[in-house]
Each structure stands twice: as C-alpha cells, then as structure tokens.
PDB file of N, CA and C in Angstrom:
ATOM      1  N   MET A   1      66.694 -28.243 -45.829  1.00  0.00           N
ATOM      2  CA  MET A   1      65.901 -28.743 -46.114  1.00  0.00           C
ATOM      3  C   MET A   1      66.354 -30.011 -46.116  1.00  0.00           C
ATOM      4  N   ALA A   2      65.412 -31.484 -46.023  1.00  0.00           N
ATOM      5  CA  ALA A   2      65.244 -32.806 -45.976  1.00  0.00           C
ATOM      6  C   ALA A   2      63.694 -33.434 -46.628  1.00  0.00           C
ATOM      7  N   GLY A   3      64.145 -34.222 -47.312  1.00  0.00           N
ATOM      8  CA  GLY A   3      63.753 -35.309 -47.507  1.00  0.00           C
ATOM      9  C   GLY A   3      63.658 -36.934 -48.249  1.00  0.00           C
ATOM     10  N   ASN A   4      62.885 -37.770 -48.853  1.00  0.00           N
ATOM     11  CA  ASN A   4      63.341 -38.149 -49.424  1.00  0.00           C
ATOM     12  C   ASN A   4      63.307 -38.983 -50.775  1.00  0.00           C
ATOM     13  N   GLY A   5      64.178 -39.443 -51.512  1.00  0.00           N
ATOM     14  CA  GLY A   5      64.668 -39.530 -52.110  1.00  0.00           C
ATOM     15  C   GLY A   5      63.954 -40.779 -53.126  1.00  0.00           C
ATOM     16  N   THR A   6      63.684 -40.934 -54.230  1.00  0.00           N
ATOM     17  CA  THR A   6      62.807 -42.099 -54.540  1.00  0.00           C
ATOM     18  C   THR A   6      63.235 -43.284 -55.101  1.00  0.00           C
ATOM     19  N   ASN A   7      63.790 -43.333 -54.314  1.00  0.00           N
ATOM     20  CA  ASN A   7      64.514 -45.005 -53.549  1.00  0.00           C
ATOM     21  C   ASN A   7      64.769 -45.565 -52.409  1.00  0.00           C
ATOM     22  N   GLY A   8      63.827 -44.319 -51.471  1.00  0.00           N
ATOM     23  CA  GLY A   8      63.236 -43.934 -49.963  1.00  0.00           C
ATOM     24  C   GLY A   8      64.687 -43.626 -48.975  1.00  0.00           C
ATOM     25  N   ASN A   9      66.235 -43.726 -49.893  1.00  0.00           N
ATOM     26  CA  ASN A   9      67.027 -42.890 -49.139  1.00  0.00           C
ATOM     27  C   ASN A   9      67.263 -41.927 -48.441  1.00  0.00           C
ATOM     28  N   PRO A  10      67.218 -40.943 -47.755  1.00  0.00           N
ATOM     29  CA  PRO A  10      66.755 -39.617 -46.818  1.00  0.00           C
ATOM     30  C   PRO A  10      67.842 -38.629 -48.201  1.00  0.00           C
ATOM     31  N   LEU A  11      67.540 -37.483 -47.973  1.00  0.00           N
ATOM     32  CA  LEU A  11      67.916 -36.148 -49.108  1.00  0.00           C
ATOM     33  C   LEU A  11      67.568 -35.490 -48.510  1.00  0.00           C
ATOM     34  N   ALA A  12      68.737 -34.189 -48.642  1.00  0.00           N
ATOM     35  CA  ALA A  12      68.966 -33.188 -48.249  1.00  0.00           C
ATOM     36  C   ALA A  12      70.487 -32.055 -48.622  1.00  0.00           C
ATOM     37  N   PHE A  13      69.702 -31.510 -49.038  1.00  0.00           N
ATOM     38  CA  PHE A  13      69.562 -29.641 -50.052  1.00  0.00           C
ATOM     39  C   PHE A  13      69.808 -29.138 -49.154  1.00  0.00           C
ATOM     40  N   ARG A  14      70.786 -27.582 -49.852  1.00  0.00           N
ATOM     41  CA  ARG A  14      71.011 -26.656 -49.637  1.00  0.00           C
ATOM     42  C   ARG A  14      70.732 -25.203 -50.262  1.00  0.00           C
ATOM     43  N   LEU A  15      70.716 -24.690 -48.914  1.00  0.00           N
ATOM     44  CA  LEU A  15      70.197 -23.215 -48.817  1.00  0.00           C
ATOM     45  C   LEU A  15      70.997 -22.149 -49.647  1.00  0.00           C
ATOM     46  N   ARG A  16      71.263 -21.566 -50.687  1.00  0.00           N
ATOM     47  CA  ARG A  16      71.960 -20.403 -50.261  1.00  0.00           C
ATOM     48  C   ARG A  16      71.988 -18.622 -50.683  1.00  0.00           C
ATOM     49  N   PHE A  17      70.723 -18.145 -49.350  1.00  0.00           N
ATOM     50  CA  PHE A  17      70.030 -16.882 -49.669  1.00  0.00           C
ATOM     51  C   PHE A  17      71.291 -14.960 -49.020  1.00  0.00           C
ATOM     52  N   THR A  18      70.471 -14.312 -50.477  1.00  0.00           N
ATOM     53  CA  THR A  18      70.878 -13.006 -48.933  1.00  0.00           C
ATOM     54  C   THR A  18      69.785 -12.185 -49.634  1.00  0.00           C
ATOM     55  N   ASP A  19      69.601 -11.564 -48.256  1.00  0.00           N
ATOM     56  CA  ASP A  19      68.628 -10.553 -48.119  1.00  0.00           C
ATOM     57  C   ASP A  19      69.313  -9.169 -48.649  1.00  0.00           C
ATOM     58  N   VAL A  20      68.866  -7.986 -48.227  1.00  0.00           N
ATOM     59  CA  VAL A  20      69.296  -6.535 -48.759  1.00  0.00           C
ATOM     60  C   VAL A  20      68.004  -5.490 -48.074  1.00  0.00           C
ATOM     61  N   TYR A  21      69.037  -5.492 -46.636  1.00  0.00           N
ATOM     62  CA  TYR A  21      68.395  -4.087 -46.290  1.00  0.00           C
ATOM     63  C   TYR A  21      68.287  -2.521 -46.275  1.00  0.00           C
ATOM     64  N   ALA A  22      67.664  -1.893 -46.005  1.00  0.00           N
ATOM     65  CA  ALA A  22      67.954  -0.411 -46.968  1.00  0.00           C
ATOM     66  C   ALA A  22      66.933   0.422 -45.735  1.00  0.00           C
ATOM     67  N   LYS A  23      68.030   1.135 -45.467  1.00  0.00           N
ATOM     68  CA  LYS A  23      67.567   1.879 -43.897  1.00  0.00           C
ATOM     69  C   LYS A  23      66.534   3.422 -44.615  1.00  0.00           C
ATOM     70  N   ARG A  24      65.428   3.267 -44.316  1.00  0.00           N
ATOM     71  CA  ARG A  24      64.056   4.594 -45.032  1.00  0.00           C
ATOM     72  C   ARG A  24      63.507   5.095 -43.726  1.00  0.00           C
ATOM     73  N   GLY A  25      64.496   6.262 -43.353  1.00  0.00           N
ATOM     74  CA  GLY A  25      63.278   7.437 -42.213  1.00  0.00           C
ATOM     75  C   GLY A  25      64.523   6.939 -41.049  1.00  0.00           C
ATOM     76  N   ASP A  26      64.016   5.955 -40.261  1.00  0.00           N
ATOM     77  CA  ASP A  26      64.118   5.795 -39.311  1.00  0.00           C
ATOM     78  C   ASP A  26      64.082   4.101 -39.173  1.00  0.00           C
ATOM     79  N   ARG A  27      63.038   3.509 -40.217  1.00  0.00           N
ATOM     80  CA  ARG A  27      63.541   1.479 -40.021  1.00  0.00           C
ATOM     81  C   ARG A  27      64.263   1.696 -40.843  1.00  0.00           C
ATOM     82  N   TRP A  28      64.290  -0.101 -41.410  1.00  0.00           N
ATOM     83  CA  TRP A  28      65.405  -0.581 -41.854  1.00  0.00           C
ATOM     84  C   TRP A  28      64.021  -1.736 -42.729  1.00  0.00           C
ATOM     85  N   GLN A  29      64.143  -2.440 -44.180  1.00  0.00           N
ATOM     86  CA  GLN A  29      62.994  -2.404 -44.791  1.00  0.00           C
ATOM     87  C   GLN A  29      64.118  -3.391 -45.553  1.00  0.00           C
ATOM     88  N   MET A  30      63.278  -4.194 -46.100  1.00  0.00           N
ATOM     89  CA  MET A  30      63.428  -5.393 -47.013  1.00  0.00           C
ATOM     90  C   MET A  30      63.715  -5.088 -47.851  1.00  0.00           C
ATOM     91  N   VAL A  31      64.089  -5.123 -48.829  1.00  0.00           N
ATOM     92  CA  VAL A  31      64.076  -4.346 -50.429  1.00  0.00           C
ATOM     93  C   VAL A  31      64.575  -5.536 -51.370  1.00  0.00           C
ATOM     94  N   ALA A  32      65.007  -6.521 -51.377  1.00  0.00           N
ATOM     95  CA  ALA A  32      65.322  -7.937 -51.724  1.00  0.00           C
ATOM     96  C   ALA A  32      65.416  -8.719 -51.432  1.00  0.00           C
ATOM     97  N   TRP A  33      65.139 -10.301 -52.444  1.00  0.00           N
ATOM     98  CA  TRP A  33      65.803 -11.279 -51.394  1.00  0.00           C
ATOM     99  C   TRP A  33      65.964 -12.222 -51.955  1.00  0.00           C
ATOM    100  N   GLN A  34      66.362 -13.423 -52.649  1.00  0.00           N
ATOM    101  CA  GLN A  34      67.279 -13.950 -53.230  1.00  0.00           C
ATOM    102  C   GLN A  34      67.339 -15.471 -52.767  1.00  0.00           C
ATOM    103  N   SER A  35      67.123 -16.184 -53.685  1.00  0.00           N
ATOM    104  CA  SER A  35      67.958 -18.123 -53.077  1.00  0.00           C
ATOM    105  C   SER A  35      68.121 -18.703 -54.353  1.00  0.00           C
ATOM    106  N   THR A  36      68.786 -19.690 -54.036  1.00  0.00           N
ATOM    107  CA  THR A  36      69.431 -20.503 -54.830  1.00  0.00           C
ATOM    108  C   THR A  36      69.831 -22.050 -53.757  1.00  0.00           C
ATOM    109  N   LYS A  37      68.681 -22.610 -54.773  1.00  0.00           N
ATOM    110  CA  LYS A  37      69.293 -24.491 -54.353  1.00  0.00           C
ATOM    111  C   LYS A  37      69.945 -24.958 -54.810  1.00  0.00           C
ATOM    112  N   LEU A  38      71.223 -24.992 -53.690  1.00  0.00           N
ATOM    113  CA  LEU A  38      72.699 -26.098 -54.137  1.00  0.00           C
ATOM    114  C   LEU A  38      71.884 -27.851 -54.143  1.00  0.00           C
ATOM    115  N   PRO A  39      72.796 -28.596 -55.170  1.00  0.00           N
ATOM    116  CA  PRO A  39      72.917 -29.710 -55.317  1.00  0.00           C
ATOM    117  C   PRO A  39      72.351 -30.736 -54.570  1.00  0.00           C
ATOM    118  N   LEU A  40      71.887 -31.612 -54.220  1.00  0.00           N
ATOM    119  CA  LEU A  40      70.628 -32.452 -54.284  1.00  0.00           C
ATOM    120  C   LEU A  40      71.824 -33.440 -53.515  1.00  0.00           C
ATOM    121  N   ILE A  41      71.800 -33.596 -51.721  1.00  0.00           N
ATOM    122  CA  ILE A  41      72.897 -34.507 -51.121  1.00  0.00           C
ATOM    123  C   ILE A  41      71.935 -35.301 -51.203  1.00  0.00           C
ATOM    124  N   GLU A  42      72.429 -37.103 -51.414  1.00  0.00           N
ATOM    125  CA  GLU A  42      71.501 -38.298 -50.825  1.00  0.00           C
ATOM    126  C   GLU A  42      72.958 -38.529 -49.971  1.00  0.00           C
ATOM    127  N   LEU A  43      71.893 -38.813 -48.479  1.00  0.00           N
ATOM    128  CA  LEU A  43      72.863 -39.336 -47.350  1.00  0.00           C
ATOM    129  C   LEU A  43      72.598 -41.446 -47.440  1.00  0.00           C
ATOM    130  N   LYS A  44      73.607 -41.932 -47.689  1.00  0.00           N
ATOM    131  CA  LYS A  44      73.846 -43.073 -47.738  1.00  0.00           C
ATOM    132  C   LYS A  44      73.686 -44.001 -46.403  1.00  0.00           C
ATOM    133  N   GLY A  45      73.306 -45.074 -46.725  1.00  0.00           N
ATOM    134  CA  GLY A  45      72.646 -45.591 -44.630  1.00  0.00           C
ATOM    135  C   GLY A  45      72.092 -44.972 -43.747  1.00  0.00           C
ATOM    136  N   SER A  46      71.151 -44.018 -44.562  1.00  0.00           N
ATOM    137  CA  SER A  46      70.519 -43.616 -43.054  1.00  0.00           C
ATOM    138  C   SER A  46      69.428 -44.131 -43.099  1.00  0.00           C
ATOM    139  N   SER A  47      68.492 -44.807 -42.271  1.00  0.00           N
ATOM    140  CA  SER A  47      67.344 -45.348 -42.192  1.00  0.00           C
ATOM    141  C   SER A  47      66.806 -44.219 -40.852  1.00  0.00           C
ATOM    142  N   SER A  48      65.154 -44.035 -41.621  1.00  0.00           N
ATOM    143  CA  SER A  48      64.320 -43.195 -40.700  1.00  0.00           C
ATOM    144  C   SER A  48      62.643 -43.923 -40.659  1.00  0.00           C
TER     145      SER A  48
END
C-alpha cells in the first residue's frame, strides 16, 4: 500500500494477512480472515 506522508514524501506500508478455509461438503469456504498493518516506511529522496 502507498500514500503520501505529512512532509510530502511517499509512504509505503506492508500488510501481513491470514486466510482460513474449511471444506464444507463439496466446496471450500473462507471461515476466518485477519490482517495486520506493519510499521510505516518513509521512502527518502523519491519524487512523484
């Protein structure tokens, strides 16, 4: 994911996620989903 910081420099952040599926009958169904945003990283010297 990306965006702009308060000083105008681009920001990037990472996500870590987990999906849990269970087979119910003849199909797979998502039964749980979780995500965590990891710390922001400011990209120095980049211009957009």
